[in-house]
């Protein structure tokens, strides 16, 4: 069983930054594509960013492309989401997810392709 634990959420003002972390309890971390999704109240869960198992490819939601950066550290079995220039519309619960050897934008952007999920961390951006 793969366990994912997110951390780093909080209440911040617009224009500031946060870095989310997702620790993965799996020695095969290097075989998993990692994704970040978010869900705002009353809205469906949406794709935010993903990074392939090797780290060679990254994918982003258009609205965060110039502000967010996804990265991974294989020595720590951890994936990060650096969020800069935060906006109130970024307010949501953020989830990390894992899927083995997933690639291609049409695949990494679909939540149904991920088999493992964290419990989520709340990000609230005040105006």
Protein backbone atom coordinates (compact mmCIF):
# COMPACT_ATOMS: atom_id res chain seq x y z
CA UNK A 1 0.00 0.00 0.00
CA UNK A 2 1.31 3.40 -0.98
CA UNK A 3 0.74 6.23 1.48
CA UNK A 4 0.91 9.89 0.50
CA UNK A 5 1.03 12.67 3.08
CA UNK A 6 0.71 16.31 2.04
CA UNK A 7 1.90 19.25 4.09
CA UNK A 8 2.62 22.95 3.69
CA UNK A 9 -0.84 24.39 3.25
CA UNK A 10 -2.07 27.43 5.11
CA UNK A 11 -3.68 30.86 5.02
CA UNK A 12 -1.72 33.44 3.06
CA UNK A 13 -2.28 36.78 1.39
CA UNK A 14 -2.55 37.22 -2.35
CA UNK A 15 0.79 37.68 -4.04
CA UNK A 16 2.72 35.54 -1.58
CA UNK A 17 4.11 32.02 -1.90
CA UNK A 18 3.67 28.56 -0.43
CA UNK A 19 5.45 25.29 -0.98
CA UNK A 20 3.46 22.10 -0.67
CA UNK A 21 5.18 18.80 0.01
CA UNK A 22 3.97 15.25 -0.50
CA UNK A 23 5.91 12.46 1.17
CA UNK A 24 5.49 9.02 -0.35
CA UNK A 25 5.96 5.84 1.66
CA UNK A 26 7.13 3.73 -1.21
CA UNK A 27 10.61 2.60 -2.13
CA UNK A 28 9.44 2.44 -5.76
CA UNK A 29 8.84 6.20 -5.68
CA UNK A 30 11.03 6.54 -8.75
CA UNK A 31 8.49 4.56 -10.79
CA UNK A 32 5.55 6.82 -9.99
CA UNK A 33 4.33 9.83 -11.89
CA UNK A 34 3.18 12.33 -9.28
CA UNK A 35 0.32 14.75 -9.71
CA UNK A 36 -1.21 17.64 -7.81
CA UNK A 37 -4.93 18.27 -7.99
CA UNK A 38 -7.14 20.75 -6.18
CA UNK A 39 -10.77 21.05 -5.25
CA UNK A 40 -12.49 24.27 -4.32
CA UNK A 41 -15.83 24.31 -2.48
CA UNK A 42 -18.68 23.47 -4.83
CA UNK A 43 -16.34 22.66 -7.70
CA UNK A 44 -14.97 19.50 -9.23
CA UNK A 45 -11.44 18.35 -8.56
CA UNK A 46 -9.09 19.76 -11.18
CA UNK A 47 -5.60 18.97 -12.35
CA UNK A 48 -2.88 21.40 -11.32
CA UNK A 49 0.50 19.87 -12.18
CA UNK A 50 2.29 16.59 -12.74
CA UNK A 51 5.83 15.28 -13.06
CA UNK A 52 6.79 11.98 -14.62
CA UNK A 53 8.64 9.24 -12.73
CA UNK A 54 11.99 10.32 -14.15
CA UNK A 55 11.34 14.02 -13.69
CA UNK A 56 11.96 14.59 -17.39
CA UNK A 57 8.49 15.90 -18.14
CA UNK A 58 6.20 18.29 -16.31
CA UNK A 59 2.64 19.34 -17.02
CA UNK A 60 0.64 22.31 -15.76
CA UNK A 61 -2.83 23.77 -15.72
CA UNK A 62 -2.66 26.82 -17.97
CA UNK A 63 -3.70 29.21 -15.22
CA UNK A 64 -0.78 28.21 -12.98
CA UNK A 65 1.90 27.59 -15.61
CA UNK A 66 3.89 30.75 -14.94
CA UNK A 67 3.41 30.71 -11.17
CA UNK A 68 3.67 27.11 -9.95
CA UNK A 69 6.58 24.68 -10.22
CA UNK A 70 6.43 20.95 -9.55
CA UNK A 71 9.59 19.06 -8.62
CA UNK A 72 10.63 15.83 -6.97
CA UNK A 73 13.45 14.65 -4.75
CA UNK A 74 14.13 10.94 -5.11
CA UNK A 75 16.44 10.89 -2.10
CA UNK A 76 13.52 12.00 0.08
CA UNK A 77 10.63 10.27 -1.74
CA UNK A 78 8.96 13.65 -1.88
CA UNK A 79 7.26 15.77 -4.51
CA UNK A 80 6.89 19.52 -4.16
CA UNK A 81 4.61 22.20 -5.53
CA UNK A 82 6.10 25.67 -5.30
CA UNK A 83 3.29 28.19 -5.62
CA UNK A 84 4.18 31.80 -6.25
CA UNK A 85 2.06 34.89 -6.82
CA UNK A 86 -0.90 33.20 -5.24
CA UNK A 87 -4.39 34.44 -6.08
CA UNK A 88 -7.69 34.07 -4.21
CA UNK A 89 -8.87 31.72 -6.96
CA UNK A 90 -6.09 29.31 -5.96
CA UNK A 91 -7.97 28.65 -2.72
CA UNK A 92 -8.74 24.94 -2.52
CA UNK A 93 -7.82 21.67 -0.90
CA UNK A 94 -4.72 20.40 -2.67
CA UNK A 95 -4.17 16.69 -3.15
CA UNK A 96 -1.17 14.77 -4.37
CA UNK A 97 -1.60 11.55 -6.28
CA UNK A 98 0.57 8.77 -7.65
CA UNK A 99 0.38 6.55 -10.71
CA UNK A 100 2.99 4.16 -12.00
CA UNK A 101 4.68 5.12 -15.27
CA UNK A 102 2.00 7.57 -16.37
CA UNK A 103 2.85 10.05 -19.11
CA UNK A 104 1.24 12.21 -21.74
CA UNK A 105 -0.94 15.20 -21.00
CA UNK A 106 -4.19 13.41 -21.80
CA UNK A 107 -3.35 10.84 -19.14
CA UNK A 108 -1.66 12.78 -16.34
CA UNK A 109 -4.43 15.37 -16.26
CA UNK A 110 -7.16 12.84 -15.47
CA UNK A 111 -7.67 12.03 -11.81
CA UNK A 112 -9.11 8.62 -12.68
CA UNK A 113 -5.65 7.50 -13.84
CA UNK A 114 -4.16 7.86 -10.36
CA UNK A 115 -4.47 4.99 -7.95
CA UNK A 116 -3.10 6.56 -4.80
CA UNK A 117 -4.10 9.78 -3.10
CA UNK A 118 -3.16 11.82 -0.08
CA UNK A 119 -5.62 13.26 2.41
CA UNK A 120 -5.25 16.82 1.13
CA UNK A 121 -3.98 20.10 2.53
CA UNK A 122 -5.97 23.33 2.65
CA UNK A 123 -4.65 26.41 0.87
CA UNK A 124 -6.52 29.65 1.49
CA UNK A 125 -5.49 32.84 -0.26
CA UNK A 126 -7.00 36.07 1.05
CA UNK A 127 -7.35 39.17 -1.10
